[in-house]
Amino acid sequence: MKKGIDIHHYERRLKSAIRQVEEANITERNKEIILKFRDELVLENISKPRQMKYLNYLKIIAQIVQKDFDKLT
């Protein structure tokens, strides 16, 4: 990934997205699953904006279904 000026503040916004997941009104198991998934995205060199998008969508889905992701069918 290129190093340079971060005019869109992706690093700060990604940290905020992670904090929002950690503080969200979702189960601890879902928080763990979402953050593990984010770790996988980092390993696969997925861009920070895409990571933020996934974190936000998964947080919203977890709030709607109110069940652990690994128990959904």
Protein backbone atom coordinates (compact mmCIF):
# COMPACT_ATOMS: atom_id res chain seq x y z
CA MET A 1 0.00 0.00 0.00
CA LYS A 2 1.23 3.49 -0.78
CA LYS A 3 2.46 5.69 2.03
CA GLY A 4 1.61 9.35 1.87
CA ILE A 5 -0.73 12.01 3.07
CA ASP A 6 -4.02 10.62 4.32
CA ILE A 7 -6.34 13.40 3.18
CA HIS A 8 -9.42 11.29 3.92
CA HIS A 9 -8.28 10.41 7.46
CA TYR A 10 -8.83 6.69 6.88
CA GLU A 11 -6.67 5.64 9.83
CA ARG A 12 -8.68 7.78 12.26
CA ARG A 13 -11.99 6.74 10.71
CA LEU A 14 -11.04 3.05 10.85
CA LYS A 15 -10.13 3.35 14.54
CA SER A 16 -13.49 5.02 15.10
CA ALA A 17 -15.30 2.19 13.28
CA ILE A 18 -13.51 -0.38 15.46
CA ARG A 19 -14.40 1.56 18.61
CA GLN A 20 -18.05 1.73 17.47
CA VAL A 21 -18.12 -2.06 17.13
CA GLU A 22 -16.56 -2.47 20.57
CA GLU A 23 -19.11 -0.10 22.14
CA ALA A 24 -22.14 -1.27 20.15
CA ASN A 25 -25.16 -2.86 21.76
CA ILE A 26 -24.42 -6.30 20.28
CA THR A 27 -23.36 -9.60 21.83
CA GLU A 28 -19.77 -10.05 22.93
CA ARG A 29 -19.52 -13.07 20.60
CA ASN A 30 -20.53 -10.94 17.59
CA LYS A 31 -17.99 -8.29 18.56
CA GLU A 32 -15.34 -11.00 18.66
CA ILE A 33 -16.41 -12.42 15.28
CA ILE A 34 -16.50 -8.99 13.62
CA LEU A 35 -13.07 -8.00 14.93
CA LYS A 36 -11.57 -11.37 13.92
CA PHE A 37 -13.01 -10.83 10.44
CA ARG A 38 -11.37 -7.40 10.38
CA ASP A 39 -8.03 -9.07 11.24
CA GLU A 40 -8.50 -11.35 8.23
CA LEU A 41 -9.19 -8.34 6.02
CA VAL A 42 -5.91 -6.76 7.15
CA LEU A 43 -4.03 -9.98 6.34
CA GLU A 44 -5.57 -9.97 2.86
CA ASN A 45 -4.56 -6.30 2.32
CA ILE A 46 -8.15 -5.12 1.98
CA SER A 47 -8.28 -1.31 1.88
CA LYS A 48 -9.19 0.71 4.97
CA PRO A 49 -12.33 2.20 3.39
CA ARG A 50 -13.56 -1.31 2.56
CA GLN A 51 -12.79 -2.47 6.12
CA MET A 52 -14.80 0.45 7.51
CA LYS A 53 -17.71 -0.44 5.25
CA TYR A 54 -17.69 -4.10 6.36
CA LEU A 55 -17.42 -3.17 10.05
CA ASN A 56 -20.35 -0.79 9.79
CA TYR A 57 -22.60 -3.20 7.89
CA LEU A 58 -21.80 -6.13 10.17
CA LYS A 59 -22.49 -3.99 13.25
CA ILE A 60 -25.87 -2.95 11.83
CA ILE A 61 -26.77 -6.54 10.94
CA ALA A 62 -25.78 -7.71 14.44
CA GLN A 63 -28.01 -5.03 15.98
CA ILE A 64 -30.95 -6.10 13.82
CA VAL A 65 -30.75 -9.89 14.28
CA GLN A 66 -29.74 -9.79 17.97
CA LYS A 67 -28.25 -13.29 17.77
CA ASP A 68 -24.71 -14.57 17.49
CA PHE A 69 -23.60 -14.85 13.86
CA ASP A 70 -22.28 -18.36 14.39
CA LYS A 71 -25.73 -19.51 15.58
CA LEU A 72 -27.70 -18.10 12.64
CA THR A 73 -29.04 -20.50 10.01
